Amino acid sequence: MDCHGRQVRGSRVGIRLSKDSGAAQIVEKAQEQMARLNCQFVTCASYCLHYPDGRHADTLPGSDRPFVLVSYKEMVVSEYNRIVLFLKDSELG
């Protein structure tokens, strides 16, 4: 996502995760993959995970429970390969 919360075209990558991955593990894996595939990716920035609607993904939507991939999958009733989450620079809000 850019500084206005819009998706940056061409920056979507797939990553392999365990079902019990939390937001921190997803951010870490996504940063590693983006750094490998995109030479313009800023690796020194601090990133956080966001839902497609732009909300911060530290907890599951509508609850205080921490974000866990398997719980989110059950909520959205989607296949794992269809789940889309975004990285956003923490400095940009």
PDB file of N, CA and C in Angstrom:
ATOM      1  N   MET A   1       0.839  -1.179   0.000  1.00  0.00           N
ATOM      2  CA  MET A   1       0.000   0.000   0.000  1.00  0.00           C
ATOM      3  C   MET A   1       0.885   1.243   0.000  1.00  0.00           C
ATOM      4  N   ASP A   2       0.396   2.277  -0.663  1.00  0.00           N
ATOM      5  CA  ASP A   2       1.155   3.515  -0.646  1.00  0.00           C
ATOM      6  C   ASP A   2       0.746   4.361   0.566  1.00  0.00           C
ATOM      7  N   CYS A   3       1.226   5.598   0.612  1.00  0.00           N
ATOM      8  CA  CYS A   3       0.956   6.439   1.785  1.00  0.00           C
ATOM      9  C   CYS A   3      -0.512   6.849   1.903  1.00  0.00           C
ATOM     10  N   HIS A   4      -1.298   6.627   0.855  1.00  0.00           N
ATOM     11  CA  HIS A   4      -2.724   6.956   0.893  1.00  0.00           C
ATOM     12  C   HIS A   4      -3.582   5.711   1.090  1.00  0.00           C
ATOM     13  N   GLY A   5      -2.956   4.561   1.357  1.00  0.00           N
ATOM     14  CA  GLY A   5      -3.687   3.327   1.593  1.00  0.00           C
ATOM     15  C   GLY A   5      -4.123   2.607   0.334  1.00  0.00           C
ATOM     16  N   ARG A   6      -3.583   3.006  -0.811  1.00  0.00           N
ATOM     17  CA  ARG A   6      -3.928   2.355  -2.070  1.00  0.00           C
ATOM     18  C   ARG A   6      -2.914   1.257  -2.374  1.00  0.00           C
ATOM     19  N   GLN A   7      -3.397   0.188  -2.998  1.00  0.00           N
ATOM     20  CA  GLN A   7      -2.509  -0.907  -3.371  1.00  0.00           C
ATOM     21  C   GLN A   7      -1.538  -0.433  -4.438  1.00  0.00           C
ATOM     22  N   VAL A   8      -0.273  -0.826  -4.294  1.00  0.00           N
ATOM     23  CA  VAL A   8       0.746  -0.497  -5.281  1.00  0.00           C
ATOM     24  C   VAL A   8       0.770  -1.633  -6.293  1.00  0.00           C
ATOM     25  N   ARG A   9       0.501  -1.321  -7.535  1.00  0.00           N
ATOM     26  CA  ARG A   9       0.435  -2.340  -8.582  1.00  0.00           C
ATOM     27  C   ARG A   9       1.780  -3.040  -8.750  1.00  0.00           C
ATOM     28  N   GLY A  10       1.707  -4.346  -8.991  1.00  0.00           N
ATOM     29  CA  GLY A  10       2.913  -5.121  -9.255  1.00  0.00           C
ATOM     30  C   GLY A  10       3.676  -5.522  -8.016  1.00  0.00           C
ATOM     31  N   SER A  11       3.123  -5.293  -6.855  1.00  0.00           N
ATOM     32  CA  SER A  11       3.864  -5.598  -5.634  1.00  0.00           C
ATOM     33  C   SER A  11       3.217  -6.721  -4.833  1.00  0.00           C
ATOM     34  N   ARG A  12       2.407  -7.537  -5.467  1.00  0.00           N
ATOM     35  CA  ARG A  12       1.748  -8.654  -4.790  1.00  0.00           C
ATOM     36  C   ARG A  12       2.644  -9.883  -4.879  1.00  0.00           C
ATOM     37  N   VAL A  13       2.886 -10.522  -3.742  1.00  0.00           N
ATOM     38  CA  VAL A  13       3.685 -11.752  -3.715  1.00  0.00           C
ATOM     39  C   VAL A  13       2.970 -12.805  -2.883  1.00  0.00           C
ATOM     40  N   GLY A  14       3.205 -14.035  -3.241  1.00  0.00           N
ATOM     41  CA  GLY A  14       2.678 -15.147  -2.464  1.00  0.00           C
ATOM     42  C   GLY A  14       3.723 -15.633  -1.480  1.00  0.00           C
ATOM     43  N   ILE A  15       3.292 -16.012  -0.303  1.00  0.00           N
ATOM     44  CA  ILE A  15       4.229 -16.552   0.688  1.00  0.00           C
ATOM     45  C   ILE A  15       3.628 -17.804   1.316  1.00  0.00           C
ATOM     46  N   ARG A  16       4.485 -18.717   1.709  1.00  0.00           N
ATOM     47  CA  ARG A  16       4.058 -19.932   2.395  1.00  0.00           C
ATOM     48  C   ARG A  16       4.148 -19.698   3.896  1.00  0.00           C
ATOM     49  N   LEU A  17       3.057 -20.032   4.588  1.00  0.00           N
ATOM     50  CA  LEU A  17       2.978 -19.815   6.030  1.00  0.00           C
ATOM     51  C   LEU A  17       2.356 -21.023   6.695  1.00  0.00           C
ATOM     52  N   SER A  18       2.615 -21.168   7.983  1.00  0.00           N
ATOM     53  CA  SER A  18       1.903 -22.187   8.741  1.00  0.00           C
ATOM     54  C   SER A  18       0.550 -21.617   9.139  1.00  0.00           C
ATOM     55  N   LYS A  19      -0.398 -22.496   9.403  1.00  0.00           N
ATOM     56  CA  LYS A  19      -1.755 -22.073   9.732  1.00  0.00           C
ATOM     57  C   LYS A  19      -1.821 -21.223  10.999  1.00  0.00           C
ATOM     58  N   ASP A  20      -0.882 -21.454  11.917  1.00  0.00           N
ATOM     59  CA  ASP A  20      -0.910 -20.733  13.185  1.00  0.00           C
ATOM     60  C   ASP A  20      -0.051 -19.466  13.174  1.00  0.00           C
ATOM     61  N   SER A  21       0.290 -18.972  11.982  1.00  0.00           N
ATOM     62  CA  SER A  21       1.086 -17.748  11.870  1.00  0.00           C
ATOM     63  C   SER A  21       0.301 -16.549  12.362  1.00  0.00           C
ATOM     64  N   GLY A  22       0.985 -15.709  13.113  1.00  0.00           N
ATOM     65  CA  GLY A  22       0.403 -14.464  13.577  1.00  0.00           C
ATOM     66  C   GLY A  22       0.844 -13.314  12.691  1.00  0.00           C
ATOM     67  N   ALA A  23       0.376 -12.123  12.991  1.00  0.00           N
ATOM     68  CA  ALA A  23       0.682 -10.946  12.176  1.00  0.00           C
ATOM     69  C   ALA A  23       2.189 -10.702  12.068  1.00  0.00           C
ATOM     70  N   ALA A  24       2.919 -10.843  13.160  1.00  0.00           N
ATOM     71  CA  ALA A  24       4.361 -10.580  13.147  1.00  0.00           C
ATOM     72  C   ALA A  24       5.100 -11.546  12.218  1.00  0.00           C
ATOM     73  N   GLN A  25       4.722 -12.827  12.253  1.00  0.00           N
ATOM     74  CA  GLN A  25       5.368 -13.807  11.379  1.00  0.00           C
ATOM     75  C   GLN A  25       5.036 -13.540   9.912  1.00  0.00           C
ATOM     76  N   ILE A  26       3.808 -13.123   9.634  1.00  0.00           N
ATOM     77  CA  ILE A  26       3.412 -12.831   8.260  1.00  0.00           C
ATOM     78  C   ILE A  26       4.190 -11.628   7.740  1.00  0.00           C
ATOM     79  N   VAL A  27       4.309 -10.590   8.540  1.00  0.00           N
ATOM     80  CA  VAL A  27       5.064  -9.400   8.136  1.00  0.00           C
ATOM     81  C   VAL A  27       6.512  -9.776   7.855  1.00  0.00           C
ATOM     82  N   GLU A  28       7.113 -10.564   8.730  1.00  0.00           N
ATOM     83  CA  GLU A  28       8.508 -10.970   8.556  1.00  0.00           C
ATOM     84  C   GLU A  28       8.708 -11.731   7.242  1.00  0.00           C
ATOM     85  N   LYS A  29       7.863 -12.722   6.983  1.00  0.00           N
ATOM     86  CA  LYS A  29       7.972 -13.526   5.759  1.00  0.00           C
ATOM     87  C   LYS A  29       7.718 -12.671   4.521  1.00  0.00           C
ATOM     88  N   ALA A  30       6.729 -11.791   4.590  1.00  0.00           N
ATOM     89  CA  ALA A  30       6.405 -10.938   3.449  1.00  0.00           C
ATOM     90  C   ALA A  30       7.557  -9.980   3.137  1.00  0.00           C
ATOM     91  N   GLN A  31       8.178  -9.423   4.163  1.00  0.00           N
ATOM     92  CA  GLN A  31       9.325  -8.534   3.959  1.00  0.00           C
ATOM     93  C   GLN A  31      10.475  -9.283   3.307  1.00  0.00           C
ATOM     94  N   GLU A  32      10.744 -10.498   3.761  1.00  0.00           N
ATOM     95  CA  GLU A  32      11.818 -11.302   3.171  1.00  0.00           C
ATOM     96  C   GLU A  32      11.552 -11.558   1.687  1.00  0.00           C
ATOM     97  N   GLN A  33      10.321 -11.946   1.375  1.00  0.00           N
ATOM     98  CA  GLN A  33       9.957 -12.263  -0.007  1.00  0.00           C
ATOM     99  C   GLN A  33       9.991 -11.010  -0.891  1.00  0.00           C
ATOM    100  N   MET A  34       9.473  -9.903  -0.396  1.00  0.00           N
ATOM    101  CA  MET A  34       9.497  -8.663  -1.170  1.00  0.00           C
ATOM    102  C   MET A  34      10.930  -8.197  -1.430  1.00  0.00           C
ATOM    103  N   ALA A  35      11.789  -8.311  -0.434  1.00  0.00           N
ATOM    104  CA  ALA A  35      13.184  -7.905  -0.594  1.00  0.00           C
ATOM    105  C   ALA A  35      13.888  -8.759  -1.650  1.00  0.00           C
ATOM    106  N   ARG A  36      13.539 -10.044  -1.696  1.00  0.00           N
ATOM    107  CA  ARG A  36      14.133 -10.946  -2.685  1.00  0.00           C
ATOM    108  C   ARG A  36      13.678 -10.606  -4.107  1.00  0.00           C
ATOM    109  N   LEU A  37      12.421 -10.238  -4.263  1.00  0.00           N
ATOM    110  CA  LEU A  37      11.833 -10.083  -5.588  1.00  0.00           C
ATOM    111  C   LEU A  37      11.769  -8.654  -6.109  1.00  0.00           C
ATOM    112  N   ASN A  38      11.949  -7.666  -5.251  1.00  0.00           N
ATOM    113  CA  ASN A  38      11.801  -6.281  -5.655  1.00  0.00           C
ATOM    114  C   ASN A  38      12.975  -5.468  -5.140  1.00  0.00           C
ATOM    115  N   CYS A  39      13.844  -5.056  -6.052  1.00  0.00           N
ATOM    116  CA  CYS A  39      15.041  -4.317  -5.635  1.00  0.00           C
ATOM    117  C   CYS A  39      14.712  -2.927  -5.102  1.00  0.00           C
ATOM    118  N   GLN A  40      13.508  -2.425  -5.340  1.00  0.00           N
ATOM    119  CA  GLN A  40      13.114  -1.106  -4.850  1.00  0.00           C
ATOM    120  C   GLN A  40      12.404  -1.166  -3.497  1.00  0.00           C
ATOM    121  N   PHE A  41      12.234  -2.349  -2.955  1.00  0.00           N
ATOM    122  CA  PHE A  41      11.573  -2.501  -1.662  1.00  0.00           C
ATOM    123  C   PHE A  41      12.482  -1.973  -0.558  1.00  0.00           C
ATOM    124  N   VAL A  42      11.946  -1.146   0.313  1.00  0.00           N
ATOM    125  CA  VAL A  42      12.727  -0.528   1.385  1.00  0.00           C
ATOM    126  C   VAL A  42      12.765  -1.483   2.574  1.00  0.00           C
ATOM    127  N   THR A  43      13.901  -2.149   2.783  1.00  0.00           N
ATOM    128  CA  THR A  43      13.996  -3.155   3.839  1.00  0.00           C
ATOM    129  C   THR A  43      14.194  -2.556   5.222  1.00  0.00           C
ATOM    130  N   CYS A  44      14.655  -1.310   5.301  1.00  0.00           N
ATOM    131  CA  CYS A  44      14.910  -0.715   6.617  1.00  0.00           C
ATOM    132  C   CYS A  44      13.651  -0.094   7.226  1.00  0.00           C
ATOM    133  N   ALA A  45      12.570  -0.050   6.477  1.00  0.00           N
ATOM    134  CA  ALA A  45      11.320   0.519   7.000  1.00  0.00           C
ATOM    135  C   ALA A  45      10.652  -0.458   7.963  1.00  0.00           C
ATOM    136  N   SER A  46       9.796   0.058   8.810  1.00  0.00           N
ATOM    137  CA  SER A  46       9.025  -0.755   9.745  1.00  0.00           C
ATOM    138  C   SER A  46       7.628  -0.938   9.164  1.00  0.00           C
ATOM    139  N   TYR A  47       7.235  -2.194   8.929  1.00  0.00           N
ATOM    140  CA  TYR A  47       5.955  -2.481   8.288  1.00  0.00           C
ATOM    141  C   TYR A  47       4.965  -3.098   9.265  1.00  0.00           C
ATOM    142  N   CYS A  48       3.680  -2.916   8.958  1.00  0.00           N
ATOM    143  CA  CYS A  48       2.616  -3.568   9.720  1.00  0.00           C
ATOM    144  C   CYS A  48       1.621  -4.170   8.731  1.00  0.00           C
ATOM    145  N   LEU A  49       0.815  -5.094   9.217  1.00  0.00           N
ATOM    146  CA  LEU A  49      -0.120  -5.837   8.390  1.00  0.00           C
ATOM    147  C   LEU A  49      -1.485  -5.157   8.401  1.00  0.00           C
ATOM    148  N   HIS A  50      -2.126  -5.092   7.221  1.00  0.00           N
ATOM    149  CA  HIS A  50      -3.437  -4.464   7.089  1.00  0.00           C
ATOM    150  C   HIS A  50      -4.384  -5.357   6.308  1.00  0.00           C
ATOM    151  N   TYR A  51      -5.670  -5.231   6.637  1.00  0.00           N
ATOM    152  CA  TYR A  51      -6.717  -5.915   5.886  1.00  0.00           C
ATOM    153  C   TYR A  51      -6.959  -5.156   4.583  1.00  0.00           C
ATOM    154  N   PRO A  52      -7.643  -5.775   3.613  1.00  0.00           N
ATOM    155  CA  PRO A  52      -7.917  -5.084   2.344  1.00  0.00           C
ATOM    156  C   PRO A  52      -8.662  -3.751   2.497  1.00  0.00           C
ATOM    157  N   ASP A  53      -9.432  -3.590   3.559  1.00  0.00           N
ATOM    158  CA  ASP A  53     -10.146  -2.314   3.754  1.00  0.00           C
ATOM    159  C   ASP A  53      -9.279  -1.254   4.435  1.00  0.00           C
ATOM    160  N   GLY A  54      -8.016  -1.582   4.709  1.00  0.00           N
ATOM    161  CA  GLY A  54      -7.078  -0.617   5.268  1.00  0.00           C
ATOM    162  C   GLY A  54      -6.920  -0.656   6.770  1.00  0.00           C
ATOM    163  N   ARG A  55      -7.762  -1.425   7.472  1.00  0.00           N
ATOM    164  CA  ARG A  55      -7.640  -1.506   8.937  1.00  0.00           C
ATOM    165  C   ARG A  55      -6.403  -2.312   9.320  1.00  0.00           C
ATOM    166  N   HIS A  56      -5.805  -1.928  10.429  1.00  0.00           N
ATOM    167  CA  HIS A  56      -4.627  -2.617  10.966  1.00  0.00           C
ATOM    168  C   HIS A  56      -5.004  -4.040  11.374  1.00  0.00           C
ATOM    169  N   ALA A  57      -4.192  -5.017  11.017  1.00  0.00           N
ATOM    170  CA  ALA A  57      -4.519  -6.429  11.268  1.00  0.00           C
ATOM    171  C   ALA A  57      -3.780  -6.998  12.468  1.00  0.00           C
ATOM    172  N   ASP A  58      -3.788  -6.289  13.582  1.00  0.00           N
ATOM    173  CA  ASP A  58      -3.163  -6.841  14.789  1.00  0.00           C
ATOM    174  C   ASP A  58      -4.132  -7.732  15.557  1.00  0.00           C
ATOM    175  N   THR A  59      -5.445  -7.501  15.366  1.00  0.00           N
ATOM    176  CA  THR A  59      -6.466  -8.356  15.970  1.00  0.00           C
ATOM    177  C   THR A  59      -7.427  -8.814  14.875  1.00  0.00           C
ATOM    178  N   LEU A  60      -8.204  -9.854  15.183  1.00  0.00           N
ATOM    179  CA  LEU A  60      -9.218 -10.316  14.237  1.00  0.00           C
ATOM    180  C   LEU A  60     -10.323  -9.276  14.140  1.00  0.00           C
ATOM    181  N   PRO A  61     -10.919  -9.100  12.969  1.00  0.00           N
ATOM    182  CA  PRO A  61     -11.970  -8.081  12.811  1.00  0.00           C
ATOM    183  C   PRO A  61     -13.115  -8.267  13.807  1.00  0.00           C
ATOM    184  N   GLY A  62     -13.479  -7.207  14.475  1.00  0.00           N
ATOM    185  CA  GLY A  62     -14.602  -7.226  15.403  1.00  0.00           C
ATOM    186  C   GLY A  62     -14.346  -7.917  16.719  1.00  0.00           C
ATOM    187  N   SER A  63     -13.073  -8.165  17.052  1.00  0.00           N
ATOM    188  CA  SER A  63     -12.768  -8.820  18.324  1.00  0.00           C
ATOM    189  C   SER A  63     -11.458  -8.282  18.889  1.00  0.00           C
ATOM    190  N   ASP A  64     -11.146  -8.738  20.104  1.00  0.00           N
ATOM    191  CA  ASP A  64      -9.873  -8.377  20.732  1.00  0.00           C
ATOM    192  C   ASP A  64      -8.861  -9.509  20.638  1.00  0.00           C
ATOM    193  N   ARG A  65      -9.241 -10.591  19.959  1.00  0.00           N
ATOM    194  CA  ARG A  65      -8.338 -11.743  19.808  1.00  0.00           C
ATOM    195  C   ARG A  65      -7.220 -11.400  18.840  1.00  0.00           C
ATOM    196  N   PRO A  66      -5.981 -11.804  19.155  1.00  0.00           N
ATOM    197  CA  PRO A  66      -4.869 -11.516  18.256  1.00  0.00           C
ATOM    198  C   PRO A  66      -5.064 -12.190  16.894  1.00  0.00           C
ATOM    199  N   PHE A  67      -4.516 -11.577  15.856  1.00  0.00           N
ATOM    200  CA  PHE A  67      -4.628 -12.122  14.508  1.00  0.00           C
ATOM    201  C   PHE A  67      -3.863 -13.435  14.414  1.00  0.00           C
ATOM    202  N   VAL A  68      -4.535 -14.475  13.965  1.00  0.00           N
ATOM    203  CA  VAL A  68      -3.922 -15.774  13.655  1.00  0.00           C
ATOM    204  C   VAL A  68      -4.530 -16.197  12.321  1.00  0.00           C
ATOM    205  N   LEU A  69      -3.692 -16.637  11.403  1.00  0.00           N
ATOM    206  CA  LEU A  69      -4.125 -16.934  10.046  1.00  0.00           C
ATOM    207  C   LEU A  69      -5.299 -17.907   9.992  1.00  0.00           C
ATOM    208  N   VAL A  70      -5.239 -18.995  10.741  1.00  0.00           N
ATOM    209  CA  VAL A  70      -6.309 -19.994  10.690  1.00  0.00           C
ATOM    210  C   VAL A  70      -7.641 -19.411  11.189  1.00  0.00           C
ATOM    211  N   SER A  71      -7.600 -18.571  12.185  1.00  0.00           N
ATOM    212  CA  SER A  71      -8.825 -17.947  12.700  1.00  0.00           C
ATOM    213  C   SER A  71      -9.402 -16.971  11.686  1.00  0.00           C
ATOM    214  N   TYR A  72      -8.536 -16.226  11.016  1.00  0.00           N
ATOM    215  CA  TYR A  72      -8.996 -15.289   9.991  1.00  0.00           C
ATOM    216  C   TYR A  72      -9.604 -16.046   8.813  1.00  0.00           C
ATOM    217  N   LYS A  73      -8.982 -17.153   8.438  1.00  0.00           N
ATOM    218  CA  LYS A  73      -9.508 -17.973   7.343  1.00  0.00           C
ATOM    219  C   LYS A  73     -10.912 -18.470   7.668  1.00  0.00           C
ATOM    220  N   GLU A  74     -11.107 -18.932   8.896  1.00  0.00           N
ATOM    221  CA  GLU A  74     -12.429 -19.405   9.309  1.00  0.00           C
ATOM    222  C   GLU A  74     -13.451 -18.275   9.276  1.00  0.00           C
ATOM    223  N   MET A  75     -13.014 -17.061   9.604  1.00  0.00           N
ATOM    224  CA  MET A  75     -13.910 -15.909   9.601  1.00  0.00           C
ATOM    225  C   MET A  75     -14.368 -15.531   8.202  1.00  0.00           C
ATOM    226  N   VAL A  76     -13.426 -15.504   7.273  1.00  0.00           N
ATOM    227  CA  VAL A  76     -13.746 -15.048   5.918  1.00  0.00           C
ATOM    228  C   VAL A  76     -14.190 -16.189   5.008  1.00  0.00           C
ATOM    229  N   VAL A  77     -14.122 -17.427   5.489  1.00  0.00           N
ATOM    230  CA  VAL A  77     -14.533 -18.614   4.747  1.00  0.00           C
ATOM    231  C   VAL A  77     -13.947 -18.577   3.335  1.00  0.00           C
ATOM    232  N   SER A  78     -12.650 -18.527   3.288  1.00  0.00           N
ATOM    233  CA  SER A  78     -11.939 -18.465   2.023  1.00  0.00           C
ATOM    234  C   SER A  78     -10.822 -19.505   2.034  1.00  0.00           C
ATOM    235  N   GLU A  79     -10.353 -19.867   0.866  1.00  0.00           N
ATOM    236  CA  GLU A  79      -9.200 -20.748   0.788  1.00  0.00           C
ATOM    237  C   GLU A  79      -7.964 -19.934   1.132  1.00  0.00           C
ATOM    238  N   TYR A  80      -6.931 -20.616   1.634  1.00  0.00           N
ATOM    239  CA  TYR A  80      -5.721 -19.899   2.020  1.00  0.00           C
ATOM    240  C   TYR A  80      -5.116 -19.137   0.842  1.00  0.00           C
ATOM    241  N   ASN A  81      -5.165 -19.724  -0.354  1.00  0.00           N
ATOM    242  CA  ASN A  81      -4.550 -19.045  -1.496  1.00  0.00           C
ATOM    243  C   ASN A  81      -5.358 -17.852  -1.980  1.00  0.00           C
ATOM    244  N   ARG A  82      -6.499 -17.596  -1.386  1.00  0.00           N
ATOM    245  CA  ARG A  82      -7.331 -16.445  -1.755  1.00  0.00           C
ATOM    246  C   ARG A  82      -7.261 -15.318  -0.725  1.00  0.00           C
ATOM    247  N   ILE A  83      -6.579 -15.529   0.369  1.00  0.00           N
ATOM    248  CA  ILE A  83      -6.482 -14.497   1.411  1.00  0.00           C
ATOM    249  C   ILE A  83      -5.501 -13.421   0.961  1.00  0.00           C
ATOM    250  N   VAL A  84      -5.931 -12.177   1.032  1.00  0.00           N
ATOM    251  CA  VAL A  84      -5.094 -11.046   0.641  1.00  0.00           C
ATOM    252  C   VAL A  84      -4.964 -10.111   1.834  1.00  0.00           C
ATOM    253  N   LEU A  85      -3.725  -9.842   2.208  1.00  0.00           N
ATOM    254  CA  LEU A  85      -3.405  -8.882   3.262  1.00  0.00           C
ATOM    255  C   LEU A  85      -2.339  -7.946   2.715  1.00  0.00           C
ATOM    256  N   PHE A  86      -2.155  -6.801   3.333  1.00  0.00           N
ATOM    257  CA  PHE A  86      -1.233  -5.804   2.815  1.00  0.00           C
ATOM    258  C   PHE A  86      -0.193  -5.399   3.859  1.00  0.00           C
ATOM    259  N   LEU A  87       0.999  -5.049   3.373  1.00  0.00           N
ATOM    260  CA  LEU A  87       2.036  -4.447   4.198  1.00  0.00           C
ATOM    261  C   LEU A  87       1.937  -2.940   4.021  1.00  0.00           C
ATOM    262  N   LYS A  88       2.084  -2.245   5.109  1.00  0.00           N
ATOM    263  CA  LYS A  88       2.090  -0.772   5.035  1.00  0.00           C
ATOM    264  C   LYS A  88       3.183  -0.264   5.957  1.00  0.00           C
ATOM    265  N   ASP A  89       3.895   0.724   5.499  1.00  0.00           N
ATOM    266  CA  ASP A  89       4.955   1.337   6.293  1.00  0.00           C
ATOM    267  C   ASP A  89       4.329   1.947   7.545  1.00  0.00           C
ATOM    268  N   SER A  90       4.809   1.546   8.718  1.00  0.00           N
ATOM    269  CA  SER A  90       4.262   2.045   9.987  1.00  0.00           C
ATOM    270  C   SER A  90       4.392   3.544  10.128  1.00  0.00           C
ATOM    271  N   GLU A  91       5.407   4.115   9.520  1.00  0.00           N
ATOM    272  CA  GLU A  91       5.648   5.560   9.608  1.00  0.00           C
ATOM    273  C   GLU A  91       4.557   6.362   8.897  1.00  0.00           C
ATOM    274  N   LEU A  92       3.890   5.720   7.946  1.00  0.00           N
ATOM    275  CA  LEU A  92       2.884   6.428   7.145  1.00  0.00           C
ATOM    276  C   LEU A  92       1.493   6.348   7.747  1.00  0.00           C
ATOM    277  N   GLY A  93       1.363   5.645   8.861  1.00  0.00           N
ATOM    278  CA  GLY A  93       0.068   5.582   9.524  1.00  0.00           C
ATOM    279  C   GLY A  93      -0.581   4.334   9.303  1.00  0.00           C
TER     280      GLY A  93
END
